[in-house]
Amino acid sequence: MTLTHLNQKGEASMVDVTDKDITDRSARAQSAVAMSADAFAQLQAGNNKKGDVLATARIAGIQAAKKTADLIPLCHPLALTKVQVDFELDEANRTVNISSFCRLAGRTGVEMEALTAASVAALTIYDMCKAVDPAMVIGPTKLQEKTGGKRGHWTPENTETNT
């Protein structure tokens, strides 16, 4: 296997995707933020002093997906056609589960955009709740699914892990 982001001299290089086919591509990612009972109760009740935590985190995640190429040096700037960030409150574990979805018709995948959306949404929740609980835990953050491109449909269940 060759590393695609290195040129023949071993220097960092952006992959040329000019000759790739334009296909419908999508990716789903997830993250989570676990917190104290006080922080979770405040978030759930919607009375955080900084404002609406989940609405702010949703907008932050969407913005982050659109700015991924500005954050990750060798990512291509993409014309995303859909970015969605959703939250599920797990009261038993005092956790906010975050899911993100990105889609486009293009020559390269949107995995990094989906991962960035979930990550920044988690960081925003942390930022807005840290006054109540600075010991919150973020993660795991991981890719759940991708479609399009050479590999077609990918999920963690249909891949081999080399360790």
N, C-alpha and C. Protein backbone atom coordinates (compact mmCIF):
# COMPACT_ATOMS: atom_id res chain seq x y z
N MET A 1 0.84 -1.17 0.00
CA MET A 1 0.00 0.00 0.00
C MET A 1 0.89 1.25 0.00
N THR A 2 0.58 2.20 -0.87
CA THR A 2 1.34 3.44 -0.91
C THR A 2 0.55 4.54 -0.21
N LEU A 3 1.26 5.47 0.35
CA LEU A 3 0.62 6.60 1.01
C LEU A 3 0.26 7.63 -0.05
N THR A 4 -1.02 7.97 -0.14
CA THR A 4 -1.50 8.82 -1.23
C THR A 4 -1.18 10.30 -1.04
N HIS A 5 -0.85 10.72 0.17
CA HIS A 5 -0.59 12.13 0.41
C HIS A 5 0.91 12.46 0.45
N LEU A 6 1.73 11.59 -0.15
CA LEU A 6 3.16 11.85 -0.29
C LEU A 6 3.53 11.78 -1.76
N ASN A 7 4.38 12.71 -2.21
CA ASN A 7 4.84 12.64 -3.59
C ASN A 7 6.03 11.68 -3.68
N GLN A 8 6.66 11.60 -4.86
CA GLN A 8 7.76 10.65 -5.06
C GLN A 8 8.97 10.95 -4.19
N LYS A 9 9.10 12.18 -3.72
CA LYS A 9 10.20 12.55 -2.84
C LYS A 9 9.86 12.35 -1.36
N GLY A 10 8.65 11.89 -1.08
CA GLY A 10 8.22 11.70 0.30
C GLY A 10 7.69 12.97 0.95
N GLU A 11 7.41 13.99 0.16
CA GLU A 11 6.90 15.25 0.67
C GLU A 11 5.37 15.23 0.69
N ALA A 12 4.78 15.98 1.62
CA ALA A 12 3.32 16.09 1.69
C ALA A 12 2.80 16.65 0.37
N SER A 13 1.71 16.07 -0.11
CA SER A 13 1.16 16.47 -1.40
C SER A 13 -0.34 16.24 -1.42
N MET A 14 -1.07 17.16 -1.99
CA MET A 14 -2.52 16.99 -2.14
C MET A 14 -2.78 16.05 -3.30
N VAL A 15 -3.64 15.07 -3.09
CA VAL A 15 -3.95 14.08 -4.12
C VAL A 15 -4.66 14.75 -5.30
N ASP A 16 -4.28 14.38 -6.52
CA ASP A 16 -4.94 14.89 -7.72
C ASP A 16 -6.15 14.00 -8.01
N VAL A 17 -7.34 14.57 -7.91
CA VAL A 17 -8.57 13.80 -8.13
C VAL A 17 -9.23 14.13 -9.47
N THR A 18 -8.51 14.84 -10.33
CA THR A 18 -9.06 15.29 -11.59
C THR A 18 -9.67 14.16 -12.41
N ASP A 19 -8.99 13.02 -12.47
CA ASP A 19 -9.44 11.92 -13.31
C ASP A 19 -10.46 10.99 -12.65
N LYS A 20 -10.79 11.23 -11.40
CA LYS A 20 -11.80 10.39 -10.73
C LYS A 20 -13.19 10.73 -11.24
N ASP A 21 -14.05 9.74 -11.24
CA ASP A 21 -15.44 9.96 -11.65
C ASP A 21 -16.19 10.75 -10.58
N ILE A 22 -17.10 11.57 -11.04
CA ILE A 22 -18.00 12.25 -10.10
C ILE A 22 -19.08 11.25 -9.73
N THR A 23 -19.19 10.98 -8.43
CA THR A 23 -20.22 10.07 -7.93
C THR A 23 -20.89 10.70 -6.72
N ASP A 24 -22.07 10.18 -6.40
CA ASP A 24 -22.77 10.60 -5.19
C ASP A 24 -22.01 10.00 -4.01
N ARG A 25 -21.58 10.83 -3.10
CA ARG A 25 -20.77 10.39 -1.96
C ARG A 25 -21.39 10.91 -0.68
N SER A 26 -21.35 10.08 0.35
CA SER A 26 -21.86 10.51 1.65
C SER A 26 -21.05 9.84 2.74
N ALA A 27 -21.16 10.41 3.93
CA ALA A 27 -20.48 9.84 5.09
C ALA A 27 -21.26 10.19 6.35
N ARG A 28 -21.25 9.25 7.28
CA ARG A 28 -21.84 9.45 8.61
C ARG A 28 -20.75 9.25 9.65
N ALA A 29 -20.74 10.12 10.64
CA ALA A 29 -19.78 10.00 11.74
C ALA A 29 -20.52 10.21 13.05
N GLN A 30 -19.85 9.85 14.13
CA GLN A 30 -20.46 10.02 15.44
C GLN A 30 -19.41 10.44 16.45
N SER A 31 -19.88 11.07 17.50
CA SER A 31 -19.07 11.38 18.67
C SER A 31 -20.01 11.41 19.86
N ALA A 32 -19.46 11.68 21.03
CA ALA A 32 -20.29 11.73 22.23
C ALA A 32 -19.60 12.62 23.26
N VAL A 33 -20.41 13.17 24.16
CA VAL A 33 -19.89 13.95 25.28
C VAL A 33 -20.57 13.43 26.54
N ALA A 34 -19.77 12.87 27.44
CA ALA A 34 -20.28 12.40 28.73
C ALA A 34 -20.00 13.47 29.77
N MET A 35 -20.97 13.70 30.66
CA MET A 35 -20.83 14.80 31.62
C MET A 35 -21.46 14.46 32.96
N SER A 36 -21.26 15.34 33.90
CA SER A 36 -21.81 15.17 35.24
C SER A 36 -23.34 15.27 35.21
N ALA A 37 -23.95 14.82 36.30
CA ALA A 37 -25.40 14.90 36.42
C ALA A 37 -25.87 16.36 36.38
N ASP A 38 -25.14 17.27 37.03
CA ASP A 38 -25.53 18.68 37.03
C ASP A 38 -25.46 19.28 35.62
N ALA A 39 -24.39 19.03 34.92
CA ALA A 39 -24.25 19.58 33.57
C ALA A 39 -25.31 19.00 32.64
N PHE A 40 -25.57 17.69 32.76
CA PHE A 40 -26.57 17.05 31.90
C PHE A 40 -27.95 17.61 32.19
N ALA A 41 -28.29 17.77 33.47
CA ALA A 41 -29.61 18.29 33.84
C ALA A 41 -29.80 19.71 33.30
N GLN A 42 -28.76 20.51 33.39
CA GLN A 42 -28.83 21.88 32.89
C GLN A 42 -29.01 21.89 31.37
N LEU A 43 -28.25 21.05 30.67
CA LEU A 43 -28.37 20.96 29.22
C LEU A 43 -29.77 20.48 28.84
N GLN A 44 -30.23 19.45 29.52
CA GLN A 44 -31.55 18.86 29.22
C GLN A 44 -32.67 19.86 29.47
N ALA A 45 -32.55 20.66 30.52
CA ALA A 45 -33.58 21.65 30.86
C ALA A 45 -33.49 22.89 29.97
N GLY A 46 -32.39 23.04 29.26
CA GLY A 46 -32.23 24.18 28.37
C GLY A 46 -31.95 25.47 29.11
N ASN A 47 -31.36 25.38 30.31
CA ASN A 47 -31.10 26.61 31.05
C ASN A 47 -29.61 26.87 31.29
N ASN A 48 -28.78 26.48 30.32
CA ASN A 48 -27.36 26.78 30.38
C ASN A 48 -27.19 28.30 30.25
N LYS A 49 -26.33 28.87 31.07
CA LYS A 49 -26.14 30.33 31.09
C LYS A 49 -25.61 30.88 29.77
N LYS A 50 -24.93 30.03 28.98
CA LYS A 50 -24.38 30.49 27.70
C LYS A 50 -25.40 30.43 26.57
N GLY A 51 -26.57 29.82 26.82
CA GLY A 51 -27.59 29.77 25.79
C GLY A 51 -27.95 28.34 25.40
N ASP A 52 -28.55 28.20 24.23
CA ASP A 52 -29.02 26.91 23.73
C ASP A 52 -27.82 26.08 23.25
N VAL A 53 -27.40 25.16 24.08
CA VAL A 53 -26.19 24.37 23.81
C VAL A 53 -26.30 23.59 22.51
N LEU A 54 -27.39 22.85 22.34
CA LEU A 54 -27.50 21.97 21.17
C LEU A 54 -27.68 22.75 19.87
N ALA A 55 -28.42 23.84 19.92
CA ALA A 55 -28.57 24.66 18.70
C ALA A 55 -27.23 25.25 18.29
N THR A 56 -26.47 25.71 19.27
CA THR A 56 -25.15 26.27 18.98
C THR A 56 -24.21 25.19 18.45
N ALA A 57 -24.24 24.01 19.07
CA ALA A 57 -23.38 22.91 18.63
C ALA A 57 -23.75 22.44 17.22
N ARG A 58 -25.03 22.46 16.90
CA ARG A 58 -25.47 22.06 15.54
C ARG A 58 -24.90 23.02 14.51
N ILE A 59 -25.04 24.31 14.75
CA ILE A 59 -24.52 25.31 13.80
C ILE A 59 -22.99 25.19 13.70
N ALA A 60 -22.32 24.99 14.83
CA ALA A 60 -20.86 24.85 14.83
C ALA A 60 -20.44 23.64 14.00
N GLY A 61 -21.14 22.52 14.16
CA GLY A 61 -20.82 21.32 13.39
C GLY A 61 -21.00 21.53 11.90
N ILE A 62 -22.09 22.18 11.53
CA ILE A 62 -22.35 22.46 10.11
C ILE A 62 -21.26 23.38 9.54
N GLN A 63 -20.95 24.44 10.26
CA GLN A 63 -19.89 25.35 9.80
C GLN A 63 -18.55 24.63 9.68
N ALA A 64 -18.26 23.78 10.64
CA ALA A 64 -16.98 23.06 10.63
C ALA A 64 -16.86 22.16 9.41
N ALA A 65 -17.94 21.46 9.07
CA ALA A 65 -17.91 20.59 7.89
C ALA A 65 -17.56 21.41 6.65
N LYS A 66 -18.15 22.60 6.55
CA LYS A 66 -17.91 23.45 5.39
C LYS A 66 -16.49 24.03 5.37
N LYS A 67 -15.82 24.05 6.51
CA LYS A 67 -14.47 24.62 6.62
C LYS A 67 -13.39 23.56 6.79
N THR A 68 -13.69 22.30 6.56
CA THR A 68 -12.73 21.23 6.82
C THR A 68 -11.41 21.44 6.07
N ALA A 69 -11.48 21.85 4.83
CA ALA A 69 -10.25 22.06 4.05
C ALA A 69 -9.38 23.17 4.63
N ASP A 70 -9.98 24.07 5.39
CA ASP A 70 -9.19 25.12 6.05
C ASP A 70 -8.50 24.60 7.31
N LEU A 71 -8.99 23.49 7.84
CA LEU A 71 -8.46 22.94 9.09
C LEU A 71 -7.50 21.77 8.88
N ILE A 72 -7.78 20.93 7.90
CA ILE A 72 -6.98 19.74 7.62
C ILE A 72 -6.18 20.03 6.35
N PRO A 73 -4.87 20.15 6.45
CA PRO A 73 -4.06 20.71 5.36
C PRO A 73 -4.22 20.08 3.98
N LEU A 74 -4.38 18.79 3.87
CA LEU A 74 -4.39 18.18 2.54
C LEU A 74 -5.79 17.78 2.06
N CYS A 75 -6.82 18.22 2.75
CA CYS A 75 -8.20 17.97 2.31
C CYS A 75 -8.56 18.89 1.16
N HIS A 76 -9.35 18.37 0.24
CA HIS A 76 -9.84 19.18 -0.86
C HIS A 76 -11.01 20.04 -0.38
N PRO A 77 -11.10 21.29 -0.85
CA PRO A 77 -12.31 22.07 -0.56
C PRO A 77 -13.47 21.44 -1.33
N LEU A 78 -14.57 21.19 -0.65
CA LEU A 78 -15.69 20.49 -1.27
C LEU A 78 -16.95 21.35 -1.30
N ALA A 79 -17.74 21.16 -2.33
CA ALA A 79 -19.04 21.83 -2.44
C ALA A 79 -20.09 20.89 -1.86
N LEU A 80 -20.21 20.90 -0.55
CA LEU A 80 -21.16 20.02 0.13
C LEU A 80 -22.58 20.40 -0.26
N THR A 81 -23.42 19.40 -0.47
CA THR A 81 -24.82 19.66 -0.79
C THR A 81 -25.74 19.38 0.40
N LYS A 82 -25.21 18.71 1.42
CA LYS A 82 -25.99 18.42 2.62
C LYS A 82 -25.05 18.23 3.80
N VAL A 83 -25.37 18.89 4.90
CA VAL A 83 -24.70 18.65 6.18
C VAL A 83 -25.79 18.62 7.24
N GLN A 84 -25.80 17.57 8.02
CA GLN A 84 -26.80 17.42 9.08
C GLN A 84 -26.09 16.99 10.35
N VAL A 85 -26.46 17.61 11.46
CA VAL A 85 -25.91 17.26 12.77
C VAL A 85 -27.09 17.05 13.71
N ASP A 86 -27.14 15.87 14.34
CA ASP A 86 -28.23 15.52 15.24
C ASP A 86 -27.70 15.08 16.58
N PHE A 87 -28.56 15.19 17.59
CA PHE A 87 -28.19 14.84 18.96
C PHE A 87 -29.23 13.90 19.56
N GLU A 88 -28.73 13.00 20.39
CA GLU A 88 -29.60 12.13 21.18
C GLU A 88 -29.10 12.21 22.62
N LEU A 89 -30.01 12.51 23.53
CA LEU A 89 -29.65 12.60 24.94
C LEU A 89 -29.84 11.24 25.59
N ASP A 90 -28.79 10.70 26.14
CA ASP A 90 -28.80 9.43 26.85
C ASP A 90 -28.77 9.74 28.34
N GLU A 91 -29.96 9.80 28.93
CA GLU A 91 -30.08 10.21 30.33
C GLU A 91 -29.41 9.22 31.28
N ALA A 92 -29.52 7.94 31.00
CA ALA A 92 -28.95 6.92 31.89
C ALA A 92 -27.44 7.07 32.02
N ASN A 93 -26.78 7.45 30.93
CA ASN A 93 -25.32 7.59 30.93
C ASN A 93 -24.86 9.04 30.95
N ARG A 94 -25.80 9.98 31.04
CA ARG A 94 -25.51 11.42 31.04
C ARG A 94 -24.59 11.78 29.87
N THR A 95 -25.02 11.34 28.69
CA THR A 95 -24.20 11.51 27.48
C THR A 95 -25.03 12.14 26.37
N VAL A 96 -24.40 13.04 25.63
CA VAL A 96 -24.99 13.56 24.40
C VAL A 96 -24.33 12.80 23.26
N ASN A 97 -25.12 12.02 22.53
CA ASN A 97 -24.62 11.30 21.36
C ASN A 97 -24.83 12.18 20.14
N ILE A 98 -23.79 12.34 19.37
CA ILE A 98 -23.79 13.25 18.23
C ILE A 98 -23.65 12.41 16.96
N SER A 99 -24.48 12.70 15.97
CA SER A 99 -24.31 12.06 14.66
C SER A 99 -24.28 13.15 13.60
N SER A 100 -23.43 12.93 12.61
CA SER A 100 -23.33 13.90 11.51
C SER A 100 -23.45 13.15 10.19
N PHE A 101 -23.94 13.87 9.19
CA PHE A 101 -24.10 13.33 7.84
C PHE A 101 -23.69 14.39 6.85
N CYS A 102 -22.84 14.03 5.89
CA CYS A 102 -22.42 14.94 4.82
C CYS A 102 -22.61 14.24 3.48
N ARG A 103 -22.97 15.04 2.48
CA ARG A 103 -23.21 14.48 1.15
C ARG A 103 -22.82 15.48 0.07
N LEU A 104 -22.42 14.93 -1.09
CA LEU A 104 -22.14 15.72 -2.27
C LEU A 104 -22.07 14.82 -3.49
N ALA A 105 -22.03 15.42 -4.65
CA ALA A 105 -21.69 14.73 -5.89
C ALA A 105 -20.31 15.26 -6.24
N GLY A 106 -19.30 14.39 -6.17
CA GLY A 106 -17.95 14.87 -6.39
C GLY A 106 -16.94 13.78 -6.66
N ARG A 107 -15.68 14.17 -6.69
CA ARG A 107 -14.58 13.27 -7.04
C ARG A 107 -13.84 12.71 -5.82
N THR A 108 -14.18 13.19 -4.63
CA THR A 108 -13.53 12.70 -3.42
C THR A 108 -14.54 12.63 -2.29
N GLY A 109 -14.25 11.79 -1.32
CA GLY A 109 -15.20 11.50 -0.26
C GLY A 109 -15.36 12.61 0.77
N VAL A 110 -16.35 12.44 1.62
CA VAL A 110 -16.70 13.45 2.62
C VAL A 110 -16.53 12.92 4.05
N GLU A 111 -15.67 11.91 4.21
CA GLU A 111 -15.45 11.36 5.55
C GLU A 111 -14.89 12.40 6.51
N MET A 112 -13.90 13.15 6.06
CA MET A 112 -13.27 14.14 6.93
C MET A 112 -14.26 15.23 7.33
N GLU A 113 -15.16 15.59 6.43
CA GLU A 113 -16.16 16.61 6.74
C GLU A 113 -17.14 16.10 7.80
N ALA A 114 -17.57 14.84 7.67
CA ALA A 114 -18.48 14.27 8.67
C ALA A 114 -17.79 14.15 10.03
N LEU A 115 -16.55 13.70 10.03
CA LEU A 115 -15.80 13.59 11.29
C LEU A 115 -15.56 14.96 11.92
N THR A 116 -15.27 15.95 11.10
CA THR A 116 -15.04 17.30 11.61
C THR A 116 -16.32 17.87 12.19
N ALA A 117 -17.45 17.65 11.53
CA ALA A 117 -18.74 18.13 12.05
C ALA A 117 -19.03 17.54 13.42
N ALA A 118 -18.87 16.23 13.56
CA ALA A 118 -19.14 15.58 14.85
C ALA A 118 -18.17 16.06 15.92
N SER A 119 -16.91 16.21 15.56
CA SER A 119 -15.88 16.63 16.51
C SER A 119 -16.13 18.05 17.02
N VAL A 120 -16.40 18.96 16.12
CA VAL A 120 -16.59 20.36 16.50
C VAL A 120 -17.90 20.53 17.27
N ALA A 121 -18.93 19.77 16.92
CA ALA A 121 -20.16 19.81 17.71
C ALA A 121 -19.86 19.38 19.15
N ALA A 122 -19.06 18.32 19.31
CA ALA A 122 -18.68 17.85 20.65
C ALA A 122 -17.87 18.91 21.39
N LEU A 123 -16.92 19.52 20.72
CA LEU A 123 -16.11 20.56 21.35
C LEU A 123 -16.96 21.76 21.76
N THR A 124 -17.97 22.08 20.97
CA THR A 124 -18.86 23.20 21.30
C THR A 124 -19.69 22.89 22.54
N ILE A 125 -20.19 21.66 22.63
CA ILE A 125 -20.91 21.26 23.84
C ILE A 125 -19.99 21.39 25.05
N TYR A 126 -18.75 20.91 24.91
CA TYR A 126 -17.79 21.04 26.00
C TYR A 126 -17.61 22.51 26.38
N ASP A 127 -17.38 23.36 25.40
CA ASP A 127 -17.14 24.77 25.65
C ASP A 127 -18.31 25.42 26.39
N MET A 128 -19.51 25.08 26.01
CA MET A 128 -20.68 25.71 26.61
C MET A 128 -21.02 25.17 27.99
N CYS A 129 -20.55 23.96 28.31
CA CYS A 129 -20.88 23.33 29.59
C CYS A 129 -19.70 23.24 30.55
N LYS A 130 -18.53 23.68 30.16
CA LYS A 130 -17.32 23.48 30.97
C LYS A 130 -17.35 24.20 32.30
N ALA A 131 -18.11 25.28 32.43
CA ALA A 131 -18.19 25.98 33.70
C ALA A 131 -18.86 25.10 34.76
N VAL A 132 -19.75 24.23 34.34
CA VAL A 132 -20.44 23.33 35.26
C VAL A 132 -19.63 22.05 35.45
N ASP A 133 -18.98 21.58 34.38
CA ASP A 133 -18.24 20.31 34.46
C ASP A 133 -17.01 20.33 33.55
N PRO A 134 -15.87 20.76 34.07
CA PRO A 134 -14.66 20.75 33.23
C PRO A 134 -14.09 19.35 33.00
N ALA A 135 -14.64 18.33 33.65
CA ALA A 135 -14.15 16.96 33.50
C ALA A 135 -14.93 16.14 32.48
N MET A 136 -15.73 16.81 31.64
CA MET A 136 -16.47 16.08 30.60
C MET A 136 -15.50 15.28 29.74
N VAL A 137 -16.01 14.19 29.16
CA VAL A 137 -15.20 13.33 28.30
C VAL A 137 -15.81 13.31 26.91
N ILE A 138 -14.99 13.56 25.92
CA ILE A 138 -15.43 13.55 24.52
C ILE A 138 -14.96 12.24 23.87
N GLY A 139 -15.85 11.59 23.14
CA GLY A 139 -15.48 10.42 22.36
C GLY A 139 -16.23 9.18 22.75
N PRO A 140 -16.06 8.12 22.03
CA PRO A 140 -15.20 8.06 20.84
C PRO A 140 -15.82 8.80 19.65
N THR A 141 -14.95 9.28 18.79
CA THR A 141 -15.36 9.90 17.53
C THR A 141 -14.93 8.94 16.44
N LYS A 142 -15.87 8.57 15.58
CA LYS A 142 -15.52 7.59 14.54
C LYS A 142 -16.43 7.68 13.33
N LEU A 143 -15.92 7.18 12.23
CA LEU A 143 -16.70 7.07 11.00
C LEU A 143 -17.65 5.90 11.13
N GLN A 144 -18.91 6.10 10.80
CA GLN A 144 -19.91 5.05 10.87
C GLN A 144 -20.18 4.41 9.51
N GLU A 145 -20.10 5.21 8.46
CA GLU A 145 -20.49 4.71 7.14
C GLU A 145 -20.02 5.70 6.08
N LYS A 146 -19.70 5.17 4.90
CA LYS A 146 -19.44 6.04 3.74
C LYS A 146 -19.97 5.35 2.50
N THR A 147 -20.38 6.15 1.53
CA THR A 147 -20.84 5.61 0.25
C THR A 147 -20.17 6.38 -0.87
N GLY A 148 -20.10 5.74 -2.04
CA GLY A 148 -19.55 6.37 -3.23
C GLY A 148 -18.08 6.06 -3.41
N GLY A 149 -17.57 6.46 -4.54
CA GLY A 149 -16.16 6.25 -4.82
C GLY A 149 -15.85 4.80 -5.17
N LYS A 150 -14.54 4.49 -5.20
CA LYS A 150 -14.06 3.16 -5.58
C LYS A 150 -14.55 2.05 -4.66
N ARG A 151 -14.54 2.33 -3.35
CA ARG A 151 -14.94 1.32 -2.36
C ARG A 151 -16.44 1.08 -2.32
N GLY A 152 -17.21 2.04 -2.80
CA GLY A 152 -18.66 1.89 -2.72
C GLY A 152 -19.14 2.10 -1.30
N HIS A 153 -19.96 1.19 -0.82
CA HIS A 153 -20.53 1.30 0.52
C HIS A 153 -19.59 0.67 1.54
N TRP A 154 -19.23 1.45 2.55
CA TRP A 154 -18.33 0.96 3.60
C TRP A 154 -18.96 1.19 4.96
N THR A 155 -18.85 0.20 5.82
CA THR A 155 -19.18 0.33 7.24
C THR A 155 -18.07 -0.38 8.01
N PRO A 156 -17.93 -0.10 9.30
CA PRO A 156 -16.89 -0.78 10.07
C PRO A 156 -17.04 -2.31 10.05
N GLU A 157 -18.27 -2.77 9.90
CA GLU A 157 -18.51 -4.21 9.90
C GLU A 157 -18.01 -4.90 8.63
N ASN A 158 -17.84 -4.18 7.53
CA ASN A 158 -17.42 -4.83 6.29
C ASN A 158 -16.00 -4.44 5.88
N THR A 159 -15.14 -4.26 6.87
CA THR A 159 -13.75 -3.94 6.58
C THR A 159 -12.86 -4.85 7.41
N GLU A 160 -11.68 -5.08 6.91
CA GLU A 160 -10.70 -5.86 7.67
C GLU A 160 -9.78 -4.88 8.37
N THR A 161 -9.43 -5.21 9.59
CA THR A 161 -8.50 -4.37 10.36
C THR A 161 -7.17 -5.08 10.42
N ASN A 162 -6.13 -4.41 9.97
CA ASN A 162 -4.78 -4.96 10.05
C ASN A 162 -4.12 -4.44 11.31
N THR A 163 -3.78 -5.34 12.21
CA THR A 163 -3.12 -4.91 13.45
C THR A 163 -1.79 -5.60 13.59
